[in-house]
Amino acid sequence: MGYPQQPQDPYGQSGPQYPTQHPYGHSGPQPGYGYGYQPPTMPPPPPPRRNNTALIVLLAIGIPLLLLGGCAAVVAVLGQSASREVVVTQADEPLNGVLSSQPETAAPGQETDTAEPPASVPEEQPAGPSSATVGGSLTLEGRDPGLKMTVTVTRVVDPATPDQFSKPETGSKLVAIELTLVNSGQAVYDDSPTNGATLIDAEGQQYRSTYSDVREGQEFGGSSTINTGDTRKGVIVFEVPEKAGLGKFQFALDSGFADQKGEWTLS
């Protein structure tokens, strides 16, 4: 069996032959286009554009970091060199031509200066109660360094006579302690003397002051303001059991909160 005859163009020329597959499995020429025409071929598509944003960001961050790292390394090397020079210079200082850790001894007949250790300063202890008897004076200090008062227990009235509005309870009596206060410091005394006063009986029980009035003296009347060099005089009244004996009287500045307390023996 033969191949079918290929068509020819009007000028008797055959067009270009293209291999093709024969219907029966044989390869044969494929009729082309007349006059030597070949079908156009499409150019391949251009490659996609690459995104360089990541590269630009990497360069923008990496280059400054590299520069900073280099500068830090240079500074570290210079610092180590300087410290090494200081250590070597200090270690190479000779003592009379010989390096020695022993102290220098004086030649015979030559005096040396020996520094004595500073004397230890004793810690300041809080002032305890000062003691006196009736008629005696004690100088007491307050928490303010400039506050200083000279206190005198001038007399003790036991029992004291109440006025018509200050009668004690049944089974009790009033006791009056007369004080003289002199401001011997630099600060102004502005306080209530009755707040810093305490009466202690013979059994060791203590009592706070009361606001009862007695005929044997004038109370301080609450707060007192005493300038430097001034004097105040008054009584502080206590209500105690009728059969109680008197033991001690205590007084402190700053309404009783000062560290130093004065103490007077009453019996």
Protein backbone atom coordinates (compact mmCIF):
# COMPACT_ATOMS: atom_id res chain seq x y z
CA MET A 1 0.00 0.00 0.00
CA GLY A 2 1.41 3.42 -0.89
CA TYR A 3 1.03 6.93 0.52
CA PRO A 4 -1.52 9.25 -0.98
CA GLN A 5 -0.18 11.83 -3.32
CA GLN A 6 0.59 15.18 -1.78
CA PRO A 7 -1.18 18.22 -3.20
CA GLN A 8 0.86 20.73 -5.13
CA ASP A 9 0.55 24.47 -5.42
CA PRO A 10 -0.31 26.09 -8.71
CA TYR A 11 3.35 26.28 -9.65
CA GLY A 12 3.97 22.60 -9.14
CA GLN A 13 5.88 23.03 -5.92
CA SER A 14 5.17 21.12 -2.88
CA GLY A 15 4.84 22.89 0.43
CA PRO A 16 6.98 22.05 3.42
CA GLN A 17 6.60 18.59 4.77
CA TYR A 18 5.86 18.00 8.45
CA PRO A 19 6.17 14.62 9.94
CA THR A 20 2.93 13.20 11.17
CA GLN A 21 1.59 9.93 12.26
CA HIS A 22 -0.06 7.83 9.62
CA PRO A 23 -3.53 6.57 10.37
CA TYR A 24 -2.13 3.08 10.19
CA GLY A 25 0.82 3.72 12.37
CA HIS A 26 3.32 4.82 9.68
CA SER A 27 5.03 8.14 9.66
CA GLY A 28 4.65 10.18 6.56
CA PRO A 29 4.88 13.66 5.22
CA GLN A 30 2.32 16.19 6.34
CA PRO A 31 1.09 18.68 3.87
CA GLY A 32 2.24 22.18 4.58
CA TYR A 33 1.05 25.57 3.55
CA GLY A 34 1.39 26.84 0.03
CA TYR A 35 4.07 29.26 -1.20
CA GLY A 36 6.53 28.32 1.54
CA TYR A 37 4.48 29.90 4.39
CA GLN A 38 5.13 28.66 7.95
CA PRO A 39 2.77 29.34 10.86
CA PRO A 40 4.06 31.97 13.32
CA THR A 41 5.24 30.86 16.76
CA MET A 42 4.36 32.83 19.98
CA PRO A 43 7.36 34.07 22.01
CA PRO A 44 7.73 32.55 25.49
CA PRO A 45 6.22 34.62 28.34
CA PRO A 46 8.69 36.83 30.25
CA PRO A 47 9.91 35.52 33.61
CA PRO A 48 8.08 36.93 36.68
CA ARG A 49 9.66 39.88 38.43
CA ARG A 50 11.45 39.04 41.65
CA ASN A 51 10.49 40.85 44.86
CA ASN A 52 13.65 42.37 46.41
CA THR A 53 11.98 43.88 49.49
CA ALA A 54 13.32 41.22 51.90
CA LEU A 55 16.86 41.68 50.57
CA ILE A 56 16.64 45.47 50.99
CA VAL A 57 15.38 45.16 54.58
CA LEU A 58 18.10 42.64 55.40
CA LEU A 59 20.80 44.95 54.08
CA ALA A 60 19.34 47.99 55.88
CA ILE A 61 19.43 46.17 59.25
CA GLY A 62 22.51 44.03 58.82
CA ILE A 63 24.96 46.72 57.72
CA PRO A 64 24.40 49.01 60.80
CA LEU A 65 24.62 46.00 63.10
CA LEU A 66 27.93 44.97 61.58
CA LEU A 67 29.26 48.52 61.99
CA LEU A 68 28.13 48.70 65.64
CA GLY A 69 29.65 45.31 66.38
CA GLY A 70 32.96 46.38 64.92
CA CYS A 71 33.01 49.60 66.97
CA ALA A 72 32.18 47.69 70.19
CA ALA A 73 34.99 45.23 69.54
CA VAL A 74 37.47 48.07 69.04
CA VAL A 75 36.37 49.81 72.27
CA ALA A 76 36.63 46.54 74.24
CA VAL A 77 40.14 45.89 72.95
CA LEU A 78 41.23 49.44 73.80
CA GLY A 79 39.70 49.19 77.30
CA GLN A 80 41.44 45.89 78.01
CA SER A 81 44.76 47.34 76.86
CA ALA A 82 44.36 50.40 79.09
CA SER A 83 43.44 48.33 82.17
CA ARG A 84 46.36 45.98 81.52
CA GLU A 85 48.73 48.93 81.40
CA VAL A 86 47.39 50.30 84.70
CA VAL A 87 47.78 46.97 86.49
CA VAL A 88 51.31 46.46 85.22
CA THR A 89 52.30 50.01 86.17
CA GLN A 90 51.03 49.55 89.71
CA ALA A 91 52.68 46.16 90.15
CA ASP A 92 56.07 47.38 88.89
CA GLU A 93 56.52 50.14 91.45
CA PRO A 94 59.72 49.20 93.34
CA LEU A 95 60.26 49.81 97.04
CA ASN A 96 63.96 50.81 97.42
CA GLY A 97 64.73 48.81 94.30
CA VAL A 98 63.08 45.63 95.64
CA LEU A 99 59.46 44.60 95.39
CA SER A 100 58.31 43.63 98.86
CA SER A 101 55.06 43.32 100.76
CA GLN A 102 56.69 43.80 104.18
CA PRO A 103 56.34 47.18 105.93
CA GLU A 104 59.36 49.44 105.89
CA THR A 105 61.29 49.38 109.17
CA ALA A 106 63.07 52.42 110.48
CA ALA A 107 66.83 52.51 110.82
CA PRO A 108 68.29 52.64 114.32
CA GLY A 109 67.79 56.10 115.77
CA GLN A 110 65.20 57.07 113.15
CA GLU A 111 61.56 57.69 114.16
CA THR A 112 58.65 56.47 112.09
CA ASP A 113 55.10 57.71 112.05
CA THR A 114 52.74 54.99 113.23
CA ALA A 115 49.07 55.76 112.70
CA GLU A 116 46.92 54.72 115.61
CA PRO A 117 43.48 53.31 114.85
CA PRO A 118 40.69 55.77 115.49
CA ALA A 119 39.08 55.45 118.87
CA SER A 120 35.66 53.89 118.78
CA VAL A 121 32.83 56.27 119.56
CA PRO A 122 30.53 54.83 122.23
CA GLU A 123 26.96 54.47 121.17
CA GLU A 124 24.60 56.99 122.70
CA GLN A 125 22.38 55.31 125.23
CA PRO A 126 18.87 56.55 125.88
CA ALA A 127 18.69 58.59 129.04
CA GLY A 128 17.07 56.81 131.97
CA PRO A 129 14.97 58.44 134.66
CA SER A 130 16.77 61.00 136.83
CA SER A 131 15.87 60.96 140.49
CA ALA A 132 15.32 63.63 143.12
CA THR A 133 13.24 64.31 146.19
CA VAL A 134 10.57 66.90 146.97
CA GLY A 135 12.13 70.33 146.57
CA GLY A 136 14.75 69.08 144.12
CA SER A 137 15.10 70.15 140.47
CA LEU A 138 15.81 68.02 137.38
CA THR A 139 16.70 69.27 133.88
CA LEU A 140 14.85 67.17 131.29
CA GLU A 141 15.31 67.10 127.52
CA GLY A 142 12.70 66.52 124.83
CA ARG A 143 12.92 64.87 121.44
CA ASP A 144 13.80 68.23 119.92
CA PRO A 145 17.52 68.87 120.74
CA GLY A 146 16.70 72.49 121.61
CA LEU A 147 13.91 71.59 124.05
CA LYS A 148 15.13 71.57 127.65
CA MET A 149 13.12 72.25 130.82
CA THR A 150 14.16 72.50 134.47
CA VAL A 151 11.41 70.89 136.58
CA THR A 152 11.05 71.28 140.36
CA VAL A 153 8.54 69.50 142.62
CA THR A 154 7.96 72.27 145.15
CA ARG A 155 5.40 70.54 147.41
CA VAL A 156 2.95 67.63 147.72
CA VAL A 157 -0.57 68.11 149.13
CA ASP A 158 -2.09 64.85 150.46
CA PRO A 159 -5.02 65.00 150.66
CA ALA A 160 -5.92 68.08 148.68
CA THR A 161 -9.15 70.04 149.26
CA PRO A 162 -11.50 69.86 146.25
CA ASP A 163 -13.72 72.73 145.28
CA GLN A 164 -17.47 72.38 145.18
CA PHE A 165 -17.44 71.03 141.61
CA SER A 166 -14.52 68.54 141.94
CA LYS A 167 -15.45 66.12 144.70
CA PRO A 168 -13.81 62.67 144.32
CA GLU A 169 -15.72 59.44 144.32
CA THR A 170 -16.57 57.69 147.57
CA GLY A 171 -13.47 55.94 148.94
CA SER A 172 -11.06 58.14 146.93
CA LYS A 173 -9.08 61.30 147.63
CA LEU A 174 -7.32 63.99 145.62
CA VAL A 175 -3.53 64.50 145.71
CA ALA A 176 -1.91 67.65 144.30
CA ILE A 177 1.70 67.84 143.07
CA GLU A 178 2.96 71.41 142.70
CA LEU A 179 5.54 71.98 139.91
CA THR A 180 7.70 74.86 138.75
CA LEU A 181 8.74 74.72 135.08
CA VAL A 182 11.61 76.84 133.73
CA ASN A 183 12.51 76.81 130.00
CA SER A 184 16.31 76.41 130.04
CA GLY A 185 16.64 75.39 126.39
CA GLN A 186 16.51 77.09 123.00
CA ALA A 187 13.12 75.79 121.79
CA VAL A 188 9.70 76.94 122.89
CA TYR A 189 7.85 74.59 125.23
CA ASP A 190 4.30 74.12 123.92
CA ASP A 191 2.63 71.18 125.61
CA SER A 192 0.24 70.12 128.35
CA PRO A 193 2.21 69.33 131.54
CA THR A 194 -0.57 67.10 132.86
CA ASN A 195 -0.10 64.70 129.91
CA GLY A 196 3.46 63.82 130.94
CA ALA A 197 2.76 63.31 134.67
CA THR A 198 2.35 59.96 136.49
CA LEU A 199 1.77 59.25 140.19
CA ILE A 200 2.88 55.90 141.67
CA ASP A 201 1.60 54.79 145.06
CA ALA A 202 3.44 52.73 147.68
CA GLU A 203 2.02 49.51 146.23
CA GLY A 204 3.47 50.24 142.78
CA GLN A 205 0.17 51.15 141.15
CA GLN A 206 0.27 54.20 138.90
CA TYR A 207 -2.35 56.85 138.16
CA ARG A 208 -2.94 59.43 135.48
CA SER A 209 -3.83 63.02 136.24
CA THR A 210 -7.39 64.27 136.57
CA TYR A 211 -8.93 67.65 135.77
CA SER A 212 -10.29 68.26 139.28
CA ASP A 213 -9.68 71.65 140.86
CA VAL A 214 -8.29 72.00 144.40
CA ARG A 215 -8.02 74.93 146.78
CA GLU A 216 -4.26 74.51 147.42
CA GLY A 217 -3.11 75.72 144.00
CA GLN A 218 -3.94 76.65 140.43
CA GLU A 219 -3.87 73.97 137.75
CA PHE A 220 -1.87 74.49 134.57
CA GLY A 221 -5.14 74.60 132.68
CA GLY A 222 -4.40 72.41 129.70
CA SER A 223 -1.69 73.51 127.27
CA SER A 224 1.15 75.83 128.33
CA THR A 225 3.46 77.85 126.07
CA ILE A 226 6.77 78.71 127.75
CA ASN A 227 9.45 80.68 125.91
CA THR A 228 13.15 80.44 126.63
CA GLY A 229 13.89 81.73 130.14
CA ASP A 230 10.23 81.91 131.18
CA THR A 231 8.67 80.19 134.22
CA ARG A 232 5.31 78.55 134.92
CA LYS A 233 3.94 77.28 138.23
CA GLY A 234 0.90 75.10 138.87
CA VAL A 235 -0.47 71.92 140.38
CA ILE A 236 -1.25 68.54 138.82
CA VAL A 237 -4.10 66.69 140.55
CA PHE A 238 -4.53 62.90 140.89
CA GLU A 239 -7.42 60.86 142.28
CA VAL A 240 -6.23 57.79 144.20
CA PRO A 241 -7.73 55.39 146.78
CA GLU A 242 -8.24 57.03 150.18
CA LYS A 243 -5.89 54.64 151.99
CA ALA A 244 -3.14 54.65 149.31
CA GLY A 245 0.32 55.82 150.35
CA LEU A 246 2.39 57.92 147.96
CA GLY A 247 5.52 56.47 146.40
CA LYS A 248 6.93 58.34 143.38
CA PHE A 249 6.12 61.05 140.88
CA GLN A 250 7.34 60.84 137.27
CA PHE A 251 7.38 63.58 134.63
CA ALA A 252 8.53 63.70 130.97
CA LEU A 253 8.36 66.24 128.15
CA ASP A 254 6.55 65.79 124.81
CA SER A 255 3.37 64.63 126.62
CA GLY A 256 5.32 61.79 128.21
CA PHE A 257 6.90 60.45 124.98
CA ALA A 258 10.39 61.89 125.54
CA ASP A 259 13.17 59.35 126.23
CA GLN A 260 14.26 61.06 129.45
CA LYS A 261 11.98 60.89 132.48
CA GLY A 262 12.36 62.65 135.78
CA GLU A 263 11.47 60.82 138.99
CA TRP A 264 10.88 62.25 142.46
CA THR A 265 10.58 60.20 145.66
CA LEU A 266 7.56 61.34 147.69
CA SER A 267 7.96 59.26 150.89
